[in-house]
Amino acid sequence: MSAVIHESAIVDTGAELGDGTRVWHFVHVCAGAQVGNNCSLGQNVFVGNKVVIGNNCKIQNNVSVYDNVYLEDDVFCGPSMVFTNVYNPRSAIERKAEYRDTRVKQGATLGANCTIVCGVTIGKYAFVGAGAVINKDVPDYALMVGVPAKQVGWMSEFGEKLPLPLSGDEQARCEHTGTVYQLQGHELKVIS
């Protein structure tokens, strides 16, 4: 098995594409990019040189994954969401040596049209709502909405909002999987 690449896509020599990865119309994958197995790169996606994308990631239409962005397995990037890699860009000043790393941990969802300001880490299974602007680290399982984004709840690994306060020592069970989550202070943990 190998990657499936649409004839209009450009995959530069040296780019690594995993088995079962699908590259759709008008995509450009740069030479240094590493893309895992069973990923989907939607129409008009750009993947920079210094990018690592894990397995089973879905990058929807019109997303640019710039240098210094690292996606773990099972990350979903909604249509037209935005990554940045320079914190204070100016057209007349080159700042390629100042790129900040952005890390998106396993299972996180980045909603349509959200913006991820460089230098942050999005926790595992976090859920960033459509149009939100993330300018600070996001905890595991956090539900983030607004501009700038604020945490408004917790999400299960299945992608459902859990009936929990933002802090405390509470438990909740995912209706779909039966997984039990517990708040431990300001962190959510899977306990069974």
Protein backbone atom coordinates (compact mmCIF):
# COMPACT_ATOMS: atom_id res chain seq x y z
CA MET A 1 0.00 0.00 0.00
CA SER A 2 1.20 3.54 -0.65
CA ALA A 3 -0.06 7.12 -0.68
CA VAL A 4 -2.70 8.20 -3.19
CA ILE A 5 -1.79 11.55 -4.76
CA HIS A 6 -4.10 13.55 -7.02
CA GLU A 7 -2.51 14.59 -10.32
CA SER A 8 -2.88 18.31 -9.49
CA ALA A 9 -0.97 17.96 -6.19
CA ILE A 10 2.73 18.79 -5.82
CA VAL A 11 4.74 16.52 -3.53
CA ASP A 12 8.36 17.65 -3.51
CA THR A 13 11.12 15.05 -3.74
CA GLY A 14 12.14 14.05 -0.22
CA ALA A 15 8.70 14.42 1.39
CA GLU A 16 7.64 11.33 3.33
CA LEU A 17 4.03 10.17 2.96
CA GLY A 18 2.81 7.14 4.91
CA ASP A 19 0.81 4.21 3.61
CA GLY A 20 -2.83 4.92 2.91
CA THR A 21 -2.41 8.70 3.02
CA ARG A 22 -4.59 10.58 0.54
CA VAL A 23 -3.42 13.86 -1.02
CA TRP A 24 -6.22 15.74 -2.74
CA HIS A 25 -6.49 18.53 -5.35
CA PHE A 26 -3.98 21.39 -5.40
CA VAL A 27 -2.05 20.27 -2.31
CA HIS A 28 1.63 21.18 -1.90
CA VAL A 29 3.81 19.06 0.40
CA CYS A 30 7.36 20.41 0.80
CA ALA A 31 10.48 18.25 0.64
CA GLY A 32 11.20 18.02 4.37
CA ALA A 33 7.65 17.18 5.49
CA GLN A 34 6.85 13.90 7.27
CA VAL A 35 3.25 12.73 7.00
CA GLY A 36 2.13 9.52 8.71
CA ASN A 37 -0.09 6.64 7.62
CA ASN A 38 -3.78 6.96 6.73
CA CYS A 39 -3.86 10.75 6.69
CA SER A 40 -6.06 12.92 4.51
CA LEU A 41 -4.77 16.22 3.11
CA GLY A 42 -7.80 18.06 1.70
CA GLN A 43 -8.00 20.39 -1.26
CA ASN A 44 -5.55 23.32 -1.24
CA VAL A 45 -3.57 22.16 1.82
CA PHE A 46 0.04 23.32 2.22
CA VAL A 47 2.55 21.36 4.34
CA GLY A 48 5.90 23.05 5.09
CA ASN A 49 9.40 21.59 5.24
CA LYS A 50 9.77 21.36 9.01
CA VAL A 51 6.44 19.70 9.76
CA VAL A 52 5.65 16.32 11.28
CA ILE A 53 2.12 14.95 10.95
CA GLY A 54 1.29 11.73 12.80
CA ASN A 55 -0.91 8.84 11.71
CA ASN A 56 -4.62 9.12 10.93
CA CYS A 57 -4.68 12.93 10.84
CA LYS A 58 -7.32 14.76 8.85
CA ILE A 59 -6.31 18.15 7.44
CA GLN A 60 -9.39 19.66 5.83
CA ASN A 61 -9.53 22.06 2.85
CA ASN A 62 -7.54 25.31 2.82
CA VAL A 63 -5.25 24.62 5.80
CA SER A 64 -1.57 25.61 5.77
CA VAL A 65 0.60 23.60 8.14
CA TYR A 66 3.66 25.84 8.38
CA ASP A 67 7.20 25.03 9.56
CA ASN A 68 7.56 24.16 13.24
CA VAL A 69 4.05 22.68 13.54
CA TYR A 70 3.94 19.15 14.95
CA LEU A 71 0.73 17.08 14.94
CA GLU A 72 0.50 13.83 16.87
CA ASP A 73 -1.74 10.93 15.81
CA ASP A 74 -5.50 11.37 15.20
CA VAL A 75 -5.51 15.18 14.99
CA PHE A 76 -8.39 16.84 13.12
CA CYS A 77 -7.79 20.25 11.50
CA GLY A 78 -11.09 21.78 10.38
CA PRO A 79 -11.58 23.66 7.12
CA SER A 80 -9.66 26.93 6.78
CA MET A 81 -8.20 26.82 10.30
CA VAL A 82 -4.91 28.72 10.67
CA PHE A 83 -1.50 27.94 12.13
CA THR A 84 1.14 30.65 12.54
CA ASN A 85 4.86 30.27 13.17
CA VAL A 86 6.08 33.85 13.75
CA TYR A 87 4.72 35.70 16.76
CA ASN A 88 5.37 39.25 15.56
CA PRO A 89 5.62 39.20 11.74
CA ARG A 90 6.69 42.17 9.63
CA SER A 91 6.96 42.08 5.88
CA ALA A 92 10.29 43.93 5.83
CA ILE A 93 11.93 41.87 8.60
CA GLU A 94 12.91 38.23 8.10
CA ARG A 95 12.20 36.19 11.23
CA LYS A 96 12.69 32.60 10.04
CA ALA A 97 15.19 32.06 12.86
CA GLU A 98 12.46 33.02 15.34
CA TYR A 99 9.83 30.40 14.41
CA ARG A 100 8.04 29.09 17.49
CA ASP A 101 7.06 25.44 17.81
CA THR A 102 3.38 24.57 17.93
CA ARG A 103 2.41 21.11 19.16
CA VAL A 104 -0.98 19.47 18.83
CA LYS A 105 -1.30 16.33 20.91
CA GLN A 106 -3.08 13.08 20.11
CA GLY A 107 -6.76 13.20 19.25
CA ALA A 108 -7.18 16.97 19.42
CA THR A 109 -9.77 18.72 17.24
CA LEU A 110 -9.15 22.19 15.80
CA GLY A 111 -12.46 23.57 14.55
CA ALA A 112 -13.14 25.34 11.28
CA ASN A 113 -11.63 28.82 10.98
CA CYS A 114 -9.89 28.72 14.37
CA THR A 115 -6.47 30.34 14.71
CA ILE A 116 -3.57 28.81 16.63
CA VAL A 117 -1.00 31.45 17.59
CA CYS A 118 2.48 29.93 17.42
CA GLY A 119 4.34 28.66 20.46
CA VAL A 120 1.45 26.85 22.14
CA THR A 121 0.68 23.22 22.93
CA ILE A 122 -2.83 21.88 22.43
CA GLY A 123 -3.43 19.02 24.87
CA LYS A 124 -4.57 15.53 23.95
CA TYR A 125 -8.24 15.22 23.00
CA ALA A 126 -8.75 18.96 23.47
CA PHE A 127 -11.49 20.52 21.35
CA VAL A 128 -11.06 24.01 19.90
CA GLY A 129 -14.37 25.43 18.71
CA ALA A 130 -14.93 26.98 15.28
CA GLY A 131 -13.49 30.49 15.00
CA ALA A 132 -11.66 30.42 18.35
CA VAL A 133 -8.26 32.07 18.76
CA ILE A 134 -5.78 30.06 20.85
CA ASN A 135 -2.95 32.18 22.30
CA LYS A 136 -1.93 30.01 25.28
CA ASP A 137 -1.47 26.32 26.07
CA VAL A 138 -4.64 24.22 26.17
CA PRO A 139 -5.07 21.43 28.76
CA ASP A 140 -5.83 17.83 27.81
CA TYR A 141 -9.58 17.30 27.13
CA ALA A 142 -10.37 21.04 27.39
CA LEU A 143 -13.22 22.61 25.39
CA MET A 144 -12.08 26.05 24.18
CA VAL A 145 -14.23 28.72 22.51
CA GLY A 146 -14.12 32.45 21.81
CA VAL A 147 -11.66 35.23 20.98
CA PRO A 148 -9.34 34.95 22.78
CA ALA A 149 -10.35 31.38 23.62
CA LYS A 150 -11.46 30.48 27.11
CA GLN A 151 -12.11 27.04 28.53
CA VAL A 152 -15.85 26.38 28.89
CA GLY A 153 -15.84 22.65 29.65
CA TRP A 154 -14.32 19.23 29.14
CA MET A 155 -14.58 16.77 26.22
CA SER A 156 -14.45 12.99 26.13
CA GLU A 157 -12.13 11.13 23.77
CA PHE A 158 -15.27 10.31 21.79
CA GLY A 159 -15.84 14.04 21.23
CA GLU A 160 -18.80 14.69 23.54
CA LYS A 161 -19.01 17.42 26.17
CA LEU A 162 -18.78 15.97 29.68
CA PRO A 163 -21.07 17.26 32.44
CA LEU A 164 -18.26 18.51 34.67
CA PRO A 165 -17.30 21.83 36.28
CA LEU A 166 -13.99 23.41 35.28
CA SER A 167 -12.28 22.29 38.49
CA GLY A 168 -12.90 20.17 41.56
CA ASP A 169 -12.87 16.44 42.17
CA GLU A 170 -15.82 15.18 40.11
CA GLN A 171 -16.41 12.17 37.86
CA ALA A 172 -18.31 11.73 34.59
CA ARG A 173 -18.97 8.79 32.29
CA CYS A 174 -18.98 9.11 28.50
CA GLU A 175 -22.45 8.03 27.29
CA HIS A 176 -21.03 6.45 24.14
CA THR A 177 -18.01 4.52 25.40
CA GLY A 178 -18.57 4.10 29.12
CA THR A 179 -15.16 5.63 29.85
CA VAL A 180 -15.03 7.29 33.27
CA TYR A 181 -13.20 10.61 33.63
CA GLN A 182 -12.25 12.32 36.86
CA LEU A 183 -11.25 15.88 37.57
CA GLN A 184 -8.15 16.08 39.70
CA GLY A 185 -7.88 19.76 40.51
CA HIS A 186 -7.68 21.46 37.11
CA GLU A 187 -6.78 18.30 35.12
CA LEU A 188 -9.03 15.65 33.63
CA LYS A 189 -7.86 12.04 33.81
CA VAL A 190 -9.24 8.76 32.47
CA ILE A 191 -9.77 6.43 35.43
CA SER A 192 -11.53 3.46 33.76
